[in-house]
């Protein structure tokens, strides 16, 4: 019922460039239908608007529904998955841990015009995977999810708060799922722990379509503002220039070193506190998965 119509298009006619949108969301097979519907709508809507959807490549939960939406709209989709979630040997079922869109592309890429791409990362944790998810992204959309999604969200909220990134980060706040996140940021602002207002760090929309609408308009606004600063005589253009590959390297260098360099109480008074907490919780879970596989 929530599938967007095939004739849907960018609400802002100024958008003329395909965007690279990083999407976070659950991988659980127990994900509720209302969240799955929003995830499918996100993947489908990105596809018919001509944007690329970058996600964790999973076959279940919000990721699975999102990838199905991309498949059904013949959209461009990039999956970034850790090798622990796929078979190590390239047999007939080596991509079993991934969604069908990537399996089909592996076998019949000519029929989809190579619109599905799979990136397999390595490492003892998920840091490389997270880095590759946001590399070159124009914006982030966050669907409902668990600790892994929280980890990804808070890490990027920290990056936005301290000025490493300026991309829009939008939570699809279905039935108030992310209300508590806004409340945490609001309390932190009231207690003078934030440099920015909560709305400058995270934005909240009630549906996937509204999230994409916001991103398109916000990126046009940002681009127009930058060009106006550079040359007040020129008419602002709506073409959006993508950031280079080195865009996210600053984030991971800075956040990795900060764990060992923090020495005063104020340094902990940022969204990074939440990010570190959830990262360690997610890391413990991932480590247990790796340990079981090795044993």
Protein backbone atom coordinates (compact mmCIF):
# COMPACT_ATOMS: atom_id res chain seq x y z
CA UNK A 1 0.00 0.00 0.00
CA UNK A 2 2.95 2.34 0.62
CA UNK A 3 4.62 1.73 -2.76
CA UNK A 4 5.19 5.06 -4.54
CA UNK A 5 3.76 5.49 -8.02
CA UNK A 6 5.98 4.85 -11.02
CA UNK A 7 5.54 8.42 -12.25
CA UNK A 8 6.93 9.92 -9.06
CA UNK A 9 9.76 12.39 -9.61
CA UNK A 10 11.90 14.85 -7.68
CA UNK A 11 9.66 17.37 -5.97
CA UNK A 12 12.25 20.07 -6.57
CA UNK A 13 12.85 20.51 -10.29
CA UNK A 14 16.30 21.91 -9.50
CA UNK A 15 17.68 18.42 -8.77
CA UNK A 16 19.48 17.31 -11.92
CA UNK A 17 22.20 15.11 -10.45
CA UNK A 18 22.01 11.55 -9.22
CA UNK A 19 22.75 11.44 -5.52
CA UNK A 20 24.55 8.76 -3.54
CA UNK A 21 22.43 8.08 -0.46
CA UNK A 22 23.75 5.93 2.39
CA UNK A 23 20.90 4.09 4.11
CA UNK A 24 20.99 2.47 7.56
CA UNK A 25 18.39 0.09 8.94
CA UNK A 26 17.68 -3.23 10.58
CA UNK A 27 18.85 -6.64 9.33
CA UNK A 28 16.61 -8.62 11.68
CA UNK A 29 14.14 -11.15 10.28
CA UNK A 30 11.77 -10.06 13.07
CA UNK A 31 11.46 -6.50 11.76
CA UNK A 32 7.84 -5.32 11.88
CA UNK A 33 5.85 -4.86 8.68
CA UNK A 34 5.42 -1.10 9.10
CA UNK A 35 9.20 -0.69 9.09
CA UNK A 36 9.62 -3.07 6.15
CA UNK A 37 7.07 -1.04 4.17
CA UNK A 38 9.01 2.18 4.81
CA UNK A 39 12.26 0.48 3.81
CA UNK A 40 10.77 -0.84 0.56
CA UNK A 41 9.38 2.62 -0.21
CA UNK A 42 12.82 4.15 0.37
CA UNK A 43 14.58 1.77 -2.01
CA UNK A 44 11.87 2.07 -4.66
CA UNK A 45 11.66 5.86 -4.44
CA UNK A 46 15.43 6.29 -4.68
CA UNK A 47 15.41 4.06 -7.74
CA UNK A 48 12.73 5.89 -9.67
CA UNK A 49 14.27 9.27 -8.81
CA UNK A 50 17.60 8.13 -10.23
CA UNK A 51 19.57 8.13 -6.96
CA UNK A 52 21.96 5.42 -5.80
CA UNK A 53 21.12 3.49 -2.61
CA UNK A 54 24.10 2.35 -0.53
CA UNK A 55 23.32 -0.08 2.29
CA UNK A 56 24.56 -3.14 4.15
CA UNK A 57 23.53 -5.53 1.39
CA UNK A 58 21.49 -7.82 3.64
CA UNK A 59 18.59 -10.05 2.64
CA UNK A 60 16.45 -9.50 5.75
CA UNK A 61 14.90 -6.67 7.74
CA UNK A 62 14.88 -3.10 6.49
CA UNK A 63 17.96 -3.78 4.39
CA UNK A 64 16.26 -6.65 2.58
CA UNK A 65 13.10 -4.66 1.86
CA UNK A 66 15.11 -1.66 0.76
CA UNK A 67 17.10 -3.79 -1.67
CA UNK A 68 13.88 -5.33 -2.99
CA UNK A 69 12.56 -1.84 -3.67
CA UNK A 70 15.73 -1.02 -5.59
CA UNK A 71 15.38 -4.24 -7.58
CA UNK A 72 11.73 -3.61 -8.44
CA UNK A 73 12.43 -0.04 -9.60
CA UNK A 74 15.53 -1.10 -11.54
CA UNK A 75 17.46 1.36 -9.40
CA UNK A 76 21.16 1.61 -8.68
CA UNK A 77 22.16 -0.14 -5.45
CA UNK A 78 25.50 -0.71 -3.75
CA UNK A 79 25.82 -3.28 -0.98
CA UNK A 80 28.67 -3.14 1.52
CA UNK A 81 28.92 -6.33 3.53
CA UNK A 82 31.51 -7.90 5.82
CA UNK A 83 32.90 -11.19 4.62
CA UNK A 84 31.69 -12.94 7.80
CA UNK A 85 28.13 -12.61 6.48
CA UNK A 86 28.82 -14.38 3.18
CA UNK A 87 30.33 -17.75 2.37
CA UNK A 88 34.11 -17.63 2.18
CA UNK A 89 34.36 -19.90 -0.84
CA UNK A 90 32.88 -18.84 -4.17
CA UNK A 91 30.62 -21.80 -4.67
CA UNK A 92 27.14 -21.76 -6.12
CA UNK A 93 25.72 -20.18 -2.96
CA UNK A 94 28.59 -17.92 -1.96
CA UNK A 95 26.31 -14.86 -1.92
CA UNK A 96 23.62 -16.47 0.20
CA UNK A 97 24.06 -13.83 2.91
CA UNK A 98 23.20 -11.04 0.45
CA UNK A 99 19.94 -9.92 -1.07
CA UNK A 100 18.76 -11.37 -4.37
CA UNK A 101 19.55 -8.15 -6.22
CA UNK A 102 23.27 -8.81 -5.75
CA UNK A 103 23.01 -12.51 -6.53
CA UNK A 104 21.16 -11.73 -9.78
CA UNK A 105 23.70 -9.12 -10.74
CA UNK A 106 26.56 -11.56 -10.14
CA UNK A 107 24.98 -14.06 -12.52
CA UNK A 108 23.23 -11.77 -15.03
CA UNK A 109 24.73 -8.31 -14.69
CA UNK A 110 24.05 -7.52 -18.33
CA UNK A 111 20.28 -7.55 -17.74
CA UNK A 112 20.48 -4.92 -15.01
CA UNK A 113 23.13 -2.82 -16.70
CA UNK A 114 25.50 -3.37 -13.75
CA UNK A 115 23.22 -1.32 -11.52
CA UNK A 116 23.90 -3.56 -8.51
CA UNK A 117 27.37 -3.61 -7.02
CA UNK A 118 28.63 -5.57 -4.02
CA UNK A 119 31.61 -4.55 -1.91
CA UNK A 120 32.94 -7.13 0.57
CA UNK A 121 35.03 -5.76 3.44
CA UNK A 122 37.35 -7.46 5.92
CA UNK A 123 38.72 -6.83 9.41
CA UNK A 124 38.03 -7.97 12.96
CA UNK A 125 35.20 -5.46 13.35
CA UNK A 126 32.89 -3.34 11.24
CA UNK A 127 34.93 -0.12 10.98
CA UNK A 128 35.98 -0.69 7.38
CA UNK A 129 32.43 -1.57 6.40
CA UNK A 130 31.09 1.60 8.03
CA UNK A 131 33.74 3.69 6.31
CA UNK A 132 32.87 2.26 2.90
CA UNK A 133 29.14 2.82 3.47
CA UNK A 134 29.57 6.58 3.85
CA UNK A 135 32.49 7.07 1.46
CA UNK A 136 31.41 9.66 -1.11
CA UNK A 137 27.85 9.85 0.25
CA UNK A 138 25.76 12.98 -0.32
CA UNK A 139 23.35 12.22 2.54
CA UNK A 140 22.28 9.57 5.04
CA UNK A 141 18.81 8.15 5.67
CA UNK A 142 18.26 6.16 8.86
CA UNK A 143 15.44 3.64 9.11
CA UNK A 144 14.47 1.89 12.36
CA UNK A 145 17.01 -0.66 13.57
CA UNK A 146 18.91 -2.00 16.57
CA UNK A 147 22.35 -1.43 18.09
CA UNK A 148 24.15 -1.67 14.74
CA UNK A 149 21.96 1.09 13.32
CA UNK A 150 22.37 3.14 16.51
CA UNK A 151 26.15 2.76 16.25
CA UNK A 152 26.17 4.03 12.67
CA UNK A 153 23.77 6.87 13.46
CA UNK A 154 25.59 8.19 16.52
CA UNK A 155 28.97 8.00 14.83
CA UNK A 156 27.77 10.22 12.01
CA UNK A 157 25.89 12.49 14.43
CA UNK A 158 29.22 13.03 16.18
CA UNK A 159 30.89 13.82 12.85
CA UNK A 160 28.14 16.33 12.05
CA UNK A 161 28.36 17.91 15.51
CA UNK A 162 32.10 18.58 15.34
CA UNK A 163 32.00 19.74 11.74
CA UNK A 164 33.74 16.87 9.92
CA UNK A 165 30.70 16.35 7.69
CA UNK A 166 27.91 18.66 6.58
CA UNK A 167 25.69 16.16 4.73
CA UNK A 168 22.03 15.87 5.75
CA UNK A 169 21.31 13.02 8.18
CA UNK A 170 17.61 12.15 8.22
CA UNK A 171 15.86 9.68 10.53
CA UNK A 172 12.64 8.15 9.20
CA UNK A 173 10.75 8.54 12.45
CA UNK A 174 7.95 5.98 12.03
CA UNK A 175 5.50 6.08 14.93
CA UNK A 176 7.99 8.10 16.97
CA UNK A 177 10.71 5.43 16.86
CA UNK A 178 13.49 8.03 17.00
CA UNK A 179 11.82 10.46 19.41
CA UNK A 180 14.20 9.38 22.18
CA UNK A 181 17.21 10.29 20.04
CA UNK A 182 15.95 13.83 19.63
CA UNK A 183 15.23 14.03 23.36
CA UNK A 184 18.79 12.96 24.18
CA UNK A 185 20.19 15.64 21.90
CA UNK A 186 17.80 18.25 23.31
CA UNK A 187 18.85 17.43 26.88
CA UNK A 188 22.52 17.58 25.88
CA UNK A 189 21.92 21.02 24.35
CA UNK A 190 20.11 22.24 27.44
CA UNK A 191 23.04 21.09 29.58
CA UNK A 192 25.52 22.90 27.28
CA UNK A 193 27.14 19.75 25.86
CA UNK A 194 26.52 20.53 22.18
CA UNK A 195 28.03 23.03 19.79
CA UNK A 196 24.98 22.90 17.53
CA UNK A 197 21.23 22.74 17.93
CA UNK A 198 19.75 19.22 17.71
CA UNK A 199 18.04 20.08 14.43
CA UNK A 200 21.39 20.97 12.87
CA UNK A 201 22.72 17.51 13.72
CA UNK A 202 19.78 15.25 12.91
CA UNK A 203 16.60 15.86 10.95
CA UNK A 204 13.43 13.79 11.39
CA UNK A 205 10.72 12.97 8.87
CA UNK A 206 7.67 10.72 9.15
CA UNK A 207 8.10 8.86 5.83
CA UNK A 208 10.79 7.74 3.42
CA UNK A 209 9.46 9.95 0.63
CA UNK A 210 9.55 13.03 2.88
CA UNK A 211 13.11 12.13 3.88
CA UNK A 212 14.23 12.13 0.24
CA UNK A 213 12.32 15.36 -0.44
CA UNK A 214 14.17 17.03 2.44
CA UNK A 215 17.56 15.78 1.27
CA UNK A 216 17.05 16.99 -2.30
CA UNK A 217 16.00 20.46 -1.18
CA UNK A 218 18.68 20.73 1.52
CA UNK A 219 21.51 19.80 -0.85
CA UNK A 220 20.33 22.33 -3.41
CA UNK A 221 20.23 24.95 -0.64
CA UNK A 222 23.73 24.05 0.55
CA UNK A 223 25.16 24.10 -2.94
CA UNK A 224 23.50 27.39 -3.81
CA UNK A 225 24.79 28.93 -0.59
CA UNK A 226 28.37 27.86 -1.28
CA UNK A 227 28.28 29.24 -4.80
CA UNK A 228 26.74 32.50 -3.62
CA UNK A 229 29.63 32.91 -1.17
CA UNK A 230 32.16 32.20 -3.90
CA UNK A 231 30.76 34.62 -6.45
CA UNK A 232 27.81 36.83 -5.65
CA UNK A 233 27.42 37.78 -9.32
CA UNK A 234 26.67 34.28 -10.57
CA UNK A 235 23.29 32.62 -10.63
CA UNK A 236 23.25 29.64 -8.23
CA UNK A 237 23.26 26.34 -10.06
CA UNK A 238 21.51 23.28 -8.68
CA UNK A 239 24.04 20.74 -9.85
CA UNK A 240 25.44 18.94 -6.82
CA UNK A 241 29.11 18.12 -6.77
CA UNK A 242 30.01 14.90 -5.04
CA UNK A 243 32.76 14.84 -2.45
CA UNK A 244 36.01 13.04 -3.23
CA UNK A 245 37.06 9.61 -1.95
CA UNK A 246 39.11 11.17 0.86
CA UNK A 247 36.02 12.83 2.34
CA UNK A 248 35.48 10.29 5.12
CA UNK A 249 39.11 9.44 5.88
CA UNK A 250 39.31 12.44 8.23
CA UNK A 251 36.41 11.10 10.26
CA UNK A 252 37.89 7.69 11.00
CA UNK A 253 41.39 9.04 11.65
CA UNK A 254 40.05 11.59 14.10
CA UNK A 255 37.57 9.33 15.87
CA UNK A 256 40.07 6.46 16.21
CA UNK A 257 42.75 8.71 17.71
CA UNK A 258 40.29 10.44 20.02
CA UNK A 259 39.74 7.25 22.02
CA UNK A 260 43.34 7.38 23.22
CA UNK A 261 43.76 11.15 23.44
CA UNK A 262 40.73 12.26 25.50
CA UNK A 263 41.96 13.80 28.74
CA UNK A 264 39.30 16.17 30.02
CA UNK A 265 35.65 15.93 30.97
CA UNK A 266 34.46 18.32 28.27
CA UNK A 267 35.77 16.03 25.51
CA UNK A 268 33.28 13.42 26.60
CA UNK A 269 30.40 15.86 26.47
CA UNK A 270 29.53 15.16 22.84
CA UNK A 271 27.46 12.70 20.81
CA UNK A 272 30.71 10.71 20.55
CA UNK A 273 29.98 9.45 24.07
CA UNK A 274 26.86 7.73 22.76
CA UNK A 275 28.71 6.62 19.64
CA UNK A 276 31.52 4.97 21.62
CA UNK A 277 29.08 3.25 23.96
CA UNK A 278 27.02 1.74 21.16
CA UNK A 279 30.16 0.93 19.13
CA UNK A 280 31.55 -1.17 21.95
CA UNK A 281 28.23 -2.96 22.39
CA UNK A 282 28.03 -3.69 18.65
CA UNK A 283 31.70 -4.66 18.58
CA UNK A 284 31.21 -7.23 21.30
CA UNK A 285 28.41 -8.79 19.27
CA UNK A 286 30.51 -8.88 16.10
CA UNK A 287 33.47 -10.35 17.97
CA UNK A 288 31.25 -13.14 19.27
CA UNK A 289 30.14 -13.91 15.68
CA UNK A 290 33.73 -14.07 14.46
CA UNK A 291 34.77 -16.26 17.40
CA UNK A 292 31.98 -18.72 16.69
CA UNK A 293 32.94 -18.92 13.02
CA UNK A 294 36.61 -19.53 13.83
CA UNK A 295 35.76 -22.25 16.34
